[in-house]
Amino acid sequence: MTNYFTNCKTAEELKKAYREAARKLHPDCNAGKDTTKEFQAMQAEFERAFSRLKNVHVNKDGEQYEKETTETAAEFMDLINKLLNIPGIEVELCGSWIWVTGNTKAAKDDLKSFGFRFSRNKLAWYYHREPYHKRGSRKMTLDDIRGMYGSAKFTGSAKSTQTDADAITAA
């Protein structure tokens, strides 16, 4: 049994850990090395952890709270696995949102089919599973959002992963 997600205490920490593990173990990212069984074991562990943590979130002040979610582990895994195979894009997890920047013109139709929407103000594609209701009239930049919720980035079809913040918190 693997232990990729034992230290995760919130849905956001779990998603960040999954993204990092998927990037490391995905068979398409490991040429000449068969990681299929390990990848499948990691996904099974993620599903178990997701069912336990899917409603546990952390606000911007670091306080835990519970919020019902309709997202499933399979939906999130499928979305991240699809994004891993798009070259030239940068994927960023900010709280419970996924932002995509980089060379998105070539991937526009794919992103639309995955449920992403384009933000003209931020010149980026975004995905958020739950309905969003904006509070207040303040316009935020991606840098404002990163500062408020932290972020973790990876580039599609690339070998490197970088993290901007240690913890990702929920909106």
Foldseek 3Di string as FASTA:
>chain_A
DDDQCVPDDAPQSLLVSLLVVCLVQPPLNDPPDDSPVVNVVVLVVSQVVCVVHVQWFAFLVRDIDGDDDPDHSVLSVVVSVVQQADAQWKWKDAAQKIKIDGPCPVVVVVCVVSPWDADPVARIIMDHRDDDDDDDDDDDYVVRSCVRFNMWMDGHNDNDTGGRDDGGGHD
